[in-house]
Amino acid sequence: MMSSSQVLLGIAVMGAITWLLRALPFVAERWLQGHPWVGKVRGFLPTAIMVILLLHTVSTGDASRSNWPIAEVVSIAVVMGLQWFVRHALLSIFTGTGLYVLLVNLSFFGG
């Protein structure tokens, strides 16, 4: 069994590691901005995340629902349209998710 001092030391070490990991991006910000690969990642990462979410949505759809793919297809189309015209990934994802939840919970789409 561990003593109180060992437990406190373990908590302190975990806290220090957590704090350092949280501070690392802010410390390395200037160094990372100068690298060309960061710009490339910044350019395609929102789209890549949205594709992963899209694949997950399509692969885990509830096929037992009547009219199963309608809510998914409509929500995906809205997300794609918003991203195409507005180019704001967070707005596109939140709007599509909200629309999906709304459509699934409506009786004529969720059935």
C-alpha atoms as a PDB file:
ATOM      1  CA  MET A   1       0.000   0.000   0.000  1.00  0.00           C
ATOM      2  CA  MET A   2       1.263   3.454  -0.881  1.00  0.00           C
ATOM      3  CA  SER A   3       1.906   6.077   1.734  1.00  0.00           C
ATOM      4  CA  SER A   4       0.308   9.516   1.652  1.00  0.00           C
ATOM      5  CA  SER A   5       3.550  11.142   0.522  1.00  0.00           C
ATOM      6  CA  GLN A   6       3.857   8.733  -2.428  1.00  0.00           C
ATOM      7  CA  VAL A   7       0.289   9.454  -3.485  1.00  0.00           C
ATOM      8  CA  LEU A   8       0.852  13.227  -3.243  1.00  0.00           C
ATOM      9  CA  LEU A   9       4.111  12.920  -5.169  1.00  0.00           C
ATOM     10  CA  GLY A  10       2.336  10.925  -7.893  1.00  0.00           C
ATOM     11  CA  ILE A  11      -0.425  13.553  -8.137  1.00  0.00           C
ATOM     12  CA  ALA A  12       2.168  16.337  -8.312  1.00  0.00           C
ATOM     13  CA  VAL A  13       4.107  14.584 -11.078  1.00  0.00           C
ATOM     14  CA  MET A  14       0.926  13.920 -13.084  1.00  0.00           C
ATOM     15  CA  GLY A  15      -0.103  17.563 -12.624  1.00  0.00           C
ATOM     16  CA  ALA A  16       3.298  18.821 -13.796  1.00  0.00           C
ATOM     17  CA  ILE A  17       3.262  16.580 -16.868  1.00  0.00           C
ATOM     18  CA  THR A  18      -0.287  17.661 -17.710  1.00  0.00           C
ATOM     19  CA  TRP A  19       0.628  21.338 -17.337  1.00  0.00           C
ATOM     20  CA  LEU A  20       3.718  20.933 -19.525  1.00  0.00           C
ATOM     21  CA  LEU A  21       1.755  19.129 -22.236  1.00  0.00           C
ATOM     22  CA  ARG A  22      -0.888  21.873 -22.206  1.00  0.00           C
ATOM     23  CA  ALA A  23       1.750  24.621 -22.352  1.00  0.00           C
ATOM     24  CA  LEU A  24       3.830  23.023 -25.109  1.00  0.00           C
ATOM     25  CA  PRO A  25       1.737  24.294 -28.083  1.00  0.00           C
ATOM     26  CA  PHE A  26       1.971  27.865 -26.789  1.00  0.00           C
ATOM     27  CA  VAL A  27       5.713  27.601 -26.266  1.00  0.00           C
ATOM     28  CA  ALA A  28       6.294  26.048 -29.692  1.00  0.00           C
ATOM     29  CA  GLU A  29       3.921  28.398 -31.547  1.00  0.00           C
ATOM     30  CA  ARG A  30       6.589  30.672 -33.018  1.00  0.00           C
ATOM     31  CA  TRP A  31       8.756  27.737 -34.051  1.00  0.00           C
ATOM     32  CA  LEU A  32       5.825  25.935 -35.709  1.00  0.00           C
ATOM     33  CA  GLN A  33       4.564  28.953 -37.674  1.00  0.00           C
ATOM     34  CA  GLY A  34       7.739  29.079 -39.728  1.00  0.00           C
ATOM     35  CA  HIS A  35       7.508  25.517 -41.020  1.00  0.00           C
ATOM     36  CA  PRO A  36       5.820  24.905 -44.377  1.00  0.00           C
ATOM     37  CA  TRP A  37       4.234  21.602 -43.364  1.00  0.00           C
ATOM     38  CA  VAL A  38       2.194  23.384 -40.682  1.00  0.00           C
ATOM     39  CA  GLY A  39       0.616  25.547 -43.387  1.00  0.00           C
ATOM     40  CA  LYS A  40      -0.202  22.455 -45.441  1.00  0.00           C
ATOM     41  CA  VAL A  41      -1.768  20.708 -42.458  1.00  0.00           C
ATOM     42  CA  ARG A  42      -3.740  23.837 -41.579  1.00  0.00           C
ATOM     43  CA  GLY A  43      -5.115  23.860 -45.123  1.00  0.00           C
ATOM     44  CA  PHE A  44      -6.496  20.309 -45.290  1.00  0.00           C
ATOM     45  CA  LEU A  45      -7.116  19.344 -41.645  1.00  0.00           C
ATOM     46  CA  PRO A  46     -10.675  20.752 -41.323  1.00  0.00           C
ATOM     47  CA  THR A  47     -11.718  18.963 -44.503  1.00  0.00           C
ATOM     48  CA  ALA A  48     -10.021  15.740 -43.410  1.00  0.00           C
ATOM     49  CA  ILE A  49     -11.833  15.825 -40.065  1.00  0.00           C
ATOM     50  CA  MET A  50     -15.136  16.431 -41.817  1.00  0.00           C
ATOM     51  CA  VAL A  51     -14.521  13.465 -44.147  1.00  0.00           C
ATOM     52  CA  ILE A  52     -13.796  11.232 -41.164  1.00  0.00           C
ATOM     53  CA  LEU A  53     -17.011  12.395 -39.473  1.00  0.00           C
ATOM     54  CA  LEU A  54     -18.912  11.828 -42.717  1.00  0.00           C
ATOM     55  CA  LEU A  55     -17.615   8.273 -43.072  1.00  0.00           C
ATOM     56  CA  HIS A  56     -18.484   7.567 -39.447  1.00  0.00           C
ATOM     57  CA  THR A  57     -22.007   8.940 -39.896  1.00  0.00           C
ATOM     58  CA  VAL A  58     -22.670   6.934 -43.021  1.00  0.00           C
ATOM     59  CA  SER A  59     -21.209   3.708 -41.640  1.00  0.00           C
ATOM     60  CA  THR A  60     -23.106   3.849 -38.332  1.00  0.00           C
ATOM     61  CA  GLY A  61     -26.509   4.963 -39.598  1.00  0.00           C
ATOM     62  CA  ASP A  62     -29.580   3.349 -38.086  1.00  0.00           C
ATOM     63  CA  ALA A  63     -30.880   1.273 -40.990  1.00  0.00           C
ATOM     64  CA  SER A  64     -33.805   0.101 -38.856  1.00  0.00           C
ATOM     65  CA  ARG A  65     -35.357   3.579 -39.100  1.00  0.00           C
ATOM     66  CA  SER A  66     -37.871   4.095 -41.853  1.00  0.00           C
ATOM     67  CA  ASN A  67     -36.504   6.640 -44.334  1.00  0.00           C
ATOM     68  CA  TRP A  68     -33.020   5.891 -42.949  1.00  0.00           C
ATOM     69  CA  PRO A  69     -30.672   7.747 -45.274  1.00  0.00           C
ATOM     70  CA  ILE A  70     -32.766  10.915 -45.713  1.00  0.00           C
ATOM     71  CA  ALA A  71     -31.658  12.744 -42.556  1.00  0.00           C
ATOM     72  CA  GLU A  72     -28.045  11.750 -43.157  1.00  0.00           C
ATOM     73  CA  VAL A  73     -28.011  12.821 -46.803  1.00  0.00           C
ATOM     74  CA  VAL A  74     -29.745  16.155 -46.118  1.00  0.00           C
ATOM     75  CA  SER A  75     -27.407  16.960 -43.225  1.00  0.00           C
ATOM     76  CA  ILE A  76     -24.315  16.005 -45.223  1.00  0.00           C
ATOM     77  CA  ALA A  77     -25.486  18.169 -48.136  1.00  0.00           C
ATOM     78  CA  VAL A  78     -25.982  21.153 -45.808  1.00  0.00           C
ATOM     79  CA  VAL A  79     -22.527  20.673 -44.274  1.00  0.00           C
ATOM     80  CA  MET A  80     -20.921  20.419 -47.711  1.00  0.00           C
ATOM     81  CA  GLY A  81     -22.777  23.493 -48.973  1.00  0.00           C
ATOM     82  CA  LEU A  82     -21.891  25.575 -45.948  1.00  0.00           C
ATOM     83  CA  GLN A  83     -18.260  24.529 -46.106  1.00  0.00           C
ATOM     84  CA  TRP A  84     -18.130  25.244 -49.843  1.00  0.00           C
ATOM     85  CA  PHE A  85     -19.568  28.758 -49.580  1.00  0.00           C
ATOM     86  CA  VAL A  86     -18.752  29.963 -46.035  1.00  0.00           C
ATOM     87  CA  ARG A  87     -15.513  27.995 -45.426  1.00  0.00           C
ATOM     88  CA  HIS A  88     -16.002  27.866 -41.670  1.00  0.00           C
ATOM     89  CA  ALA A  89     -15.605  24.267 -40.510  1.00  0.00           C
ATOM     90  CA  LEU A  90     -16.968  24.738 -37.003  1.00  0.00           C
ATOM     91  CA  LEU A  91     -20.120  26.445 -38.272  1.00  0.00           C
ATOM     92  CA  SER A  92     -20.612  23.752 -40.912  1.00  0.00           C
ATOM     93  CA  ILE A  93     -20.158  20.884 -38.452  1.00  0.00           C
ATOM     94  CA  PHE A  94     -22.392  22.369 -35.750  1.00  0.00           C
ATOM     95  CA  THR A  95     -25.118  23.291 -38.250  1.00  0.00           C
ATOM     96  CA  GLY A  96     -25.052  19.848 -39.854  1.00  0.00           C
ATOM     97  CA  THR A  97     -25.096  18.103 -36.494  1.00  0.00           C
ATOM     98  CA  GLY A  98     -27.971  20.243 -35.240  1.00  0.00           C
ATOM     99  CA  LEU A  99     -29.928  19.641 -38.434  1.00  0.00           C
ATOM    100  CA  TYR A 100     -29.287  15.903 -38.213  1.00  0.00           C
ATOM    101  CA  VAL A 101     -30.520  15.746 -34.604  1.00  0.00           C
ATOM    102  CA  LEU A 102     -33.578  17.799 -35.546  1.00  0.00           C
ATOM    103  CA  LEU A 103     -34.420  15.657 -38.575  1.00  0.00           C
ATOM    104  CA  VAL A 104     -33.935  12.360 -36.742  1.00  0.00           C
ATOM    105  CA  ASN A 105     -36.169  13.493 -33.893  1.00  0.00           C
ATOM    106  CA  LEU A 106     -38.959  14.707 -36.191  1.00  0.00           C
ATOM    107  CA  SER A 107     -41.578  12.012 -36.608  1.00  0.00           C
ATOM    108  CA  PHE A 108     -41.559  11.936 -40.421  1.00  0.00           C
ATOM    109  CA  PHE A 109     -37.766  11.468 -40.631  1.00  0.00           C
ATOM    110  CA  GLY A 110     -37.057   9.526 -37.439  1.00  0.00           C
ATOM    111  CA  GLY A 111     -39.888   7.015 -37.813  1.00  0.00           C
END
